[in-house]
């Protein structure tokens, strides 16, 4: 007499993952993270290329760029210095090296 297996046991057995697949999941997650990071870094680099030719001040720090100089109580003097030195269209370094375009028109008083 042959013993028949119930469909439920077969179904559960089919859903049980092999240990090799479970062991590879962290590696797949790590590789996906690395590929995503490289992709976004390259994309960011190429998006910033047109701003390289525009003059601007050197960044004060890598983390905050020129934002600390632009948004402080003495910022008006810094803006005048930027306009006199670099003109009305200026490249400004922001957080973590992100470049931005600043357009200013100072009154002539």
N, C-alpha and C. Protein backbone atom coordinates (compact mmCIF):
# COMPACT_ATOMS: atom_id res chain seq x y z
N UNK A 1 0.84 -1.16 0.00
CA UNK A 1 0.00 0.00 0.00
C UNK A 1 0.90 1.24 0.00
N UNK A 2 0.66 2.13 -0.94
CA UNK A 2 1.48 3.33 -1.07
C UNK A 2 0.87 4.45 -0.24
N UNK A 3 1.74 5.20 0.39
CA UNK A 3 1.29 6.33 1.19
C UNK A 3 1.25 7.56 0.29
N UNK A 4 0.13 8.21 0.26
CA UNK A 4 -0.01 9.40 -0.57
C UNK A 4 0.28 10.63 0.28
N UNK A 5 0.97 11.56 -0.31
CA UNK A 5 1.25 12.80 0.42
C UNK A 5 0.13 13.79 0.14
N UNK A 6 -0.19 14.56 1.12
CA UNK A 6 -1.26 15.52 0.94
C UNK A 6 -0.74 16.72 0.14
N UNK A 7 -1.60 17.38 -0.62
CA UNK A 7 -1.17 18.52 -1.42
C UNK A 7 -0.62 19.67 -0.56
N UNK A 8 -1.10 19.79 0.67
CA UNK A 8 -0.62 20.86 1.54
C UNK A 8 0.85 20.69 1.86
N UNK A 9 1.29 19.50 2.16
CA UNK A 9 2.69 19.25 2.49
C UNK A 9 3.57 19.51 1.28
N UNK A 10 3.12 19.12 0.12
CA UNK A 10 3.88 19.37 -1.11
C UNK A 10 3.98 20.87 -1.36
N UNK A 11 2.89 21.58 -1.15
CA UNK A 11 2.88 23.02 -1.38
C UNK A 11 3.85 23.73 -0.42
N UNK A 12 3.83 23.36 0.85
CA UNK A 12 4.72 23.97 1.84
C UNK A 12 6.16 23.63 1.51
N UNK A 13 6.42 22.43 1.09
CA UNK A 13 7.77 22.02 0.71
C UNK A 13 8.26 22.83 -0.47
N UNK A 14 7.40 23.14 -1.41
CA UNK A 14 7.80 23.92 -2.58
C UNK A 14 8.09 25.36 -2.22
N UNK A 15 7.45 25.90 -1.19
CA UNK A 15 7.68 27.29 -0.81
C UNK A 15 8.89 27.48 0.11
N UNK A 16 9.42 26.43 0.66
CA UNK A 16 10.56 26.55 1.54
C UNK A 16 11.79 26.91 0.71
N UNK A 17 12.44 28.07 0.97
CA UNK A 17 13.59 28.46 0.16
C UNK A 17 14.82 27.63 0.52
N UNK A 18 15.67 27.46 -0.44
CA UNK A 18 16.90 26.75 -0.14
C UNK A 18 17.82 27.69 0.64
N UNK A 19 18.69 27.12 1.43
CA UNK A 19 19.56 27.93 2.28
C UNK A 19 20.59 28.71 1.46
N UNK A 20 20.91 28.23 0.28
CA UNK A 20 21.87 28.95 -0.57
C UNK A 20 21.28 30.27 -1.04
N UNK A 21 19.99 30.25 -1.38
CA UNK A 21 19.33 31.49 -1.82
C UNK A 21 19.22 32.47 -0.66
N UNK A 22 18.87 31.98 0.50
CA UNK A 22 18.74 32.85 1.68
C UNK A 22 20.09 33.45 2.05
N UNK A 23 21.16 32.69 1.91
CA UNK A 23 22.50 33.18 2.24
C UNK A 23 22.97 34.25 1.26
N UNK A 24 22.48 34.23 0.03
CA UNK A 24 22.90 35.20 -0.97
C UNK A 24 22.13 36.52 -0.92
N UNK A 25 21.03 36.58 -0.20
CA UNK A 25 20.21 37.80 -0.16
C UNK A 25 20.98 39.03 0.35
N UNK A 26 21.76 38.95 1.43
CA UNK A 26 22.52 40.14 1.83
C UNK A 26 23.53 40.60 0.78
N UNK A 27 24.15 39.65 0.09
CA UNK A 27 25.10 40.01 -0.97
C UNK A 27 24.40 40.71 -2.12
N UNK A 28 23.22 40.23 -2.50
CA UNK A 28 22.45 40.87 -3.56
C UNK A 28 22.04 42.28 -3.15
N UNK A 29 21.64 42.45 -1.90
CA UNK A 29 21.29 43.79 -1.41
C UNK A 29 22.48 44.73 -1.41
N UNK A 30 23.64 44.25 -1.02
CA UNK A 30 24.84 45.07 -1.01
C UNK A 30 25.24 45.48 -2.42
N UNK A 31 25.22 44.54 -3.35
CA UNK A 31 25.56 44.86 -4.73
C UNK A 31 24.57 45.84 -5.35
N UNK A 32 23.29 45.69 -5.04
CA UNK A 32 22.29 46.64 -5.53
C UNK A 32 22.54 48.04 -4.99
N UNK A 33 22.91 48.14 -3.73
CA UNK A 33 23.21 49.44 -3.13
C UNK A 33 24.43 50.08 -3.77
N UNK A 34 25.46 49.31 -4.02
CA UNK A 34 26.68 49.85 -4.63
C UNK A 34 26.41 50.32 -6.04
N UNK A 35 25.70 49.53 -6.82
CA UNK A 35 25.38 49.93 -8.20
C UNK A 35 24.52 51.20 -8.21
N UNK A 36 23.55 51.30 -7.31
CA UNK A 36 22.71 52.50 -7.23
C UNK A 36 23.53 53.73 -6.85
N UNK A 37 24.42 53.58 -5.89
CA UNK A 37 25.26 54.70 -5.47
C UNK A 37 26.15 55.18 -6.60
N UNK A 38 26.77 54.27 -7.32
CA UNK A 38 27.63 54.65 -8.45
C UNK A 38 26.79 55.33 -9.54
N UNK A 39 25.62 54.80 -9.82
CA UNK A 39 24.75 55.39 -10.85
C UNK A 39 24.38 56.83 -10.50
N UNK A 40 23.95 57.06 -9.26
CA UNK A 40 23.55 58.42 -8.88
C UNK A 40 24.74 59.36 -8.80
N UNK A 41 25.91 58.87 -8.41
CA UNK A 41 27.10 59.74 -8.38
C UNK A 41 27.49 60.16 -9.79
N UNK A 42 27.48 59.24 -10.74
CA UNK A 42 27.82 59.57 -12.12
C UNK A 42 26.78 60.50 -12.71
N UNK A 43 25.52 60.24 -12.45
CA UNK A 43 24.45 61.10 -12.96
C UNK A 43 24.56 62.51 -12.42
N UNK A 44 24.86 62.63 -11.12
CA UNK A 44 25.03 63.96 -10.51
C UNK A 44 26.23 64.68 -11.12
N UNK A 45 27.30 63.95 -11.37
CA UNK A 45 28.51 64.56 -11.93
C UNK A 45 28.25 65.14 -13.31
N UNK A 46 27.54 64.39 -14.16
CA UNK A 46 27.27 64.88 -15.51
C UNK A 46 26.22 65.98 -15.54
N UNK A 47 25.32 66.02 -14.58
CA UNK A 47 24.35 67.12 -14.53
C UNK A 47 25.00 68.43 -14.14
N UNK A 48 26.12 68.37 -13.41
CA UNK A 48 26.80 69.57 -12.95
C UNK A 48 27.81 70.11 -13.96
N UNK A 49 28.07 69.41 -15.06
CA UNK A 49 29.09 69.83 -16.02
C UNK A 49 28.87 71.22 -16.61
N UNK A 50 27.65 71.62 -17.00
CA UNK A 50 27.50 72.96 -17.59
C UNK A 50 27.88 74.10 -16.63
N UNK A 51 27.82 73.88 -15.34
CA UNK A 51 28.13 74.95 -14.39
C UNK A 51 29.63 75.12 -14.14
N UNK A 52 30.46 74.25 -14.69
CA UNK A 52 31.90 74.35 -14.45
C UNK A 52 32.51 75.61 -15.06
N UNK A 53 31.96 76.09 -16.17
CA UNK A 53 32.55 77.24 -16.84
C UNK A 53 32.11 78.57 -16.23
N UNK A 54 31.13 78.57 -15.37
CA UNK A 54 30.64 79.80 -14.76
C UNK A 54 31.52 80.12 -13.55
N UNK A 55 31.98 81.38 -13.44
CA UNK A 55 32.86 81.72 -12.32
C UNK A 55 32.11 81.77 -11.00
N UNK A 56 32.86 81.54 -9.94
CA UNK A 56 32.28 81.59 -8.61
C UNK A 56 33.36 81.43 -7.55
N UNK A 57 33.03 81.69 -6.30
CA UNK A 57 34.02 81.60 -5.24
C UNK A 57 34.37 80.14 -4.93
N UNK A 58 35.57 79.91 -4.42
CA UNK A 58 35.89 78.55 -3.98
C UNK A 58 35.03 78.18 -2.78
N UNK A 59 34.76 76.90 -2.63
CA UNK A 59 33.90 76.49 -1.51
C UNK A 59 34.63 76.66 -0.19
N UNK A 60 33.92 77.14 0.80
CA UNK A 60 34.49 77.37 2.12
C UNK A 60 34.71 76.05 2.85
N UNK A 61 33.80 75.11 2.70
CA UNK A 61 33.97 73.77 3.28
C UNK A 61 33.24 72.78 2.39
N UNK A 62 33.65 71.52 2.47
CA UNK A 62 33.02 70.51 1.62
C UNK A 62 31.58 70.26 2.03
N UNK A 63 31.31 70.30 3.30
CA UNK A 63 29.97 69.95 3.79
C UNK A 63 28.96 71.05 3.46
N UNK A 64 29.25 72.29 3.82
CA UNK A 64 28.25 73.35 3.61
C UNK A 64 28.56 74.26 2.44
N UNK A 65 29.68 74.10 1.77
CA UNK A 65 29.99 74.91 0.60
C UNK A 65 30.06 76.38 0.95
N UNK A 66 29.35 77.21 0.20
CA UNK A 66 29.29 78.64 0.46
C UNK A 66 28.01 79.06 1.16
N UNK A 67 27.18 78.11 1.56
CA UNK A 67 25.90 78.47 2.17
C UNK A 67 26.07 79.20 3.49
N UNK A 68 27.10 78.86 4.25
CA UNK A 68 27.36 79.56 5.51
C UNK A 68 27.70 81.02 5.28
N UNK A 69 28.37 81.31 4.17
CA UNK A 69 28.70 82.70 3.85
C UNK A 69 27.50 83.46 3.28
N UNK A 70 26.64 82.76 2.57
CA UNK A 70 25.52 83.43 1.92
C UNK A 70 24.36 83.71 2.86
N UNK A 71 24.19 82.88 3.88
CA UNK A 71 23.04 83.04 4.78
C UNK A 71 23.49 83.31 6.20
N UNK A 72 24.17 84.41 6.38
CA UNK A 72 24.53 84.85 7.73
C UNK A 72 24.24 86.35 7.84
N UNK A 73 24.37 86.95 9.02
CA UNK A 73 24.04 88.37 9.16
C UNK A 73 24.89 89.31 8.30
N UNK A 74 26.10 88.92 7.95
CA UNK A 74 26.96 89.76 7.10
C UNK A 74 26.90 89.34 5.64
N UNK A 75 25.85 88.73 5.22
CA UNK A 75 25.75 88.20 3.87
C UNK A 75 25.70 89.29 2.81
N UNK A 76 25.22 90.47 3.15
CA UNK A 76 25.13 91.55 2.16
C UNK A 76 26.51 91.93 1.64
N UNK A 77 27.48 92.00 2.52
CA UNK A 77 28.85 92.32 2.10
C UNK A 77 29.42 91.20 1.23
N UNK A 78 29.12 89.95 1.56
CA UNK A 78 29.58 88.82 0.76
C UNK A 78 28.95 88.85 -0.63
N UNK A 79 27.66 89.20 -0.71
CA UNK A 79 26.98 89.29 -2.00
C UNK A 79 27.57 90.41 -2.86
N UNK A 80 27.89 91.53 -2.23
CA UNK A 80 28.53 92.63 -2.98
C UNK A 80 29.89 92.19 -3.51
N UNK A 81 30.66 91.49 -2.67
CA UNK A 81 31.96 90.99 -3.09
C UNK A 81 31.81 90.02 -4.28
N UNK A 82 30.82 89.14 -4.22
CA UNK A 82 30.59 88.20 -5.32
C UNK A 82 30.23 88.93 -6.61
N UNK A 83 29.37 89.93 -6.51
CA UNK A 83 28.94 90.66 -7.69
C UNK A 83 30.09 91.45 -8.30
N UNK A 84 30.90 92.09 -7.47
CA UNK A 84 32.04 92.85 -8.00
C UNK A 84 33.11 91.94 -8.58
N UNK A 85 33.33 90.79 -7.97
CA UNK A 85 34.41 89.91 -8.40
C UNK A 85 34.02 89.03 -9.57
N UNK A 86 32.82 88.44 -9.54
CA UNK A 86 32.44 87.43 -10.53
C UNK A 86 31.34 87.87 -11.49
N UNK A 87 30.69 88.99 -11.23
CA UNK A 87 29.62 89.45 -12.11
C UNK A 87 28.24 89.11 -11.56
N UNK A 88 27.23 89.22 -12.41
CA UNK A 88 25.84 89.02 -11.97
C UNK A 88 25.42 87.55 -11.97
N UNK A 89 26.11 86.70 -12.70
CA UNK A 89 25.79 85.27 -12.74
C UNK A 89 26.94 84.52 -12.09
N UNK A 90 26.64 83.81 -11.01
CA UNK A 90 27.68 83.22 -10.17
C UNK A 90 27.34 81.76 -9.89
N UNK A 91 28.38 80.93 -9.89
CA UNK A 91 28.22 79.53 -9.46
C UNK A 91 28.52 79.48 -7.97
N UNK A 92 27.59 78.91 -7.20
CA UNK A 92 27.73 78.83 -5.76
C UNK A 92 27.74 77.36 -5.37
N UNK A 93 28.66 76.98 -4.50
CA UNK A 93 28.73 75.60 -4.02
C UNK A 93 27.80 75.43 -2.83
N UNK A 94 26.99 74.40 -2.88
CA UNK A 94 26.04 74.13 -1.81
C UNK A 94 26.47 72.94 -0.97
N UNK A 95 25.49 72.29 -0.37
CA UNK A 95 25.76 71.14 0.49
C UNK A 95 26.40 70.00 -0.28
N UNK A 96 27.46 69.45 0.26
CA UNK A 96 28.17 68.28 -0.28
C UNK A 96 28.58 68.45 -1.73
N UNK A 97 28.97 69.66 -2.11
CA UNK A 97 29.50 69.90 -3.44
C UNK A 97 28.48 70.13 -4.53
N UNK A 98 27.20 70.23 -4.21
CA UNK A 98 26.18 70.49 -5.21
C UNK A 98 26.31 71.95 -5.66
N UNK A 99 26.46 72.14 -6.96
CA UNK A 99 26.62 73.49 -7.49
C UNK A 99 25.26 74.07 -7.85
N UNK A 100 25.11 75.36 -7.60
CA UNK A 100 23.88 76.07 -7.93
C UNK A 100 24.23 77.34 -8.67
N UNK A 101 23.29 77.85 -9.38
CA UNK A 101 23.47 79.09 -10.14
C UNK A 101 22.77 80.22 -9.38
N UNK A 102 23.53 81.29 -9.13
CA UNK A 102 22.95 82.45 -8.44
C UNK A 102 22.99 83.63 -9.40
N UNK A 103 21.85 84.27 -9.57
CA UNK A 103 21.75 85.45 -10.43
C UNK A 103 21.36 86.60 -9.53
N UNK A 104 22.15 87.68 -9.57
CA UNK A 104 21.87 88.81 -8.69
C UNK A 104 21.93 90.12 -9.47
N UNK A 105 21.20 91.08 -8.95
CA UNK A 105 21.25 92.42 -9.49
C UNK A 105 21.20 93.36 -8.29
N UNK A 106 22.37 93.84 -7.91
CA UNK A 106 22.47 94.72 -6.76
C UNK A 106 22.15 96.15 -7.15
N UNK A 107 21.48 96.90 -6.30
CA UNK A 107 21.23 98.30 -6.60
C UNK A 107 22.56 99.07 -6.60
N UNK A 108 22.63 100.10 -7.39
CA UNK A 108 23.89 100.84 -7.55
C UNK A 108 24.02 101.96 -6.52
N UNK A 109 23.63 101.78 -5.31
CA UNK A 109 23.75 102.83 -4.30
C UNK A 109 24.90 102.56 -3.37
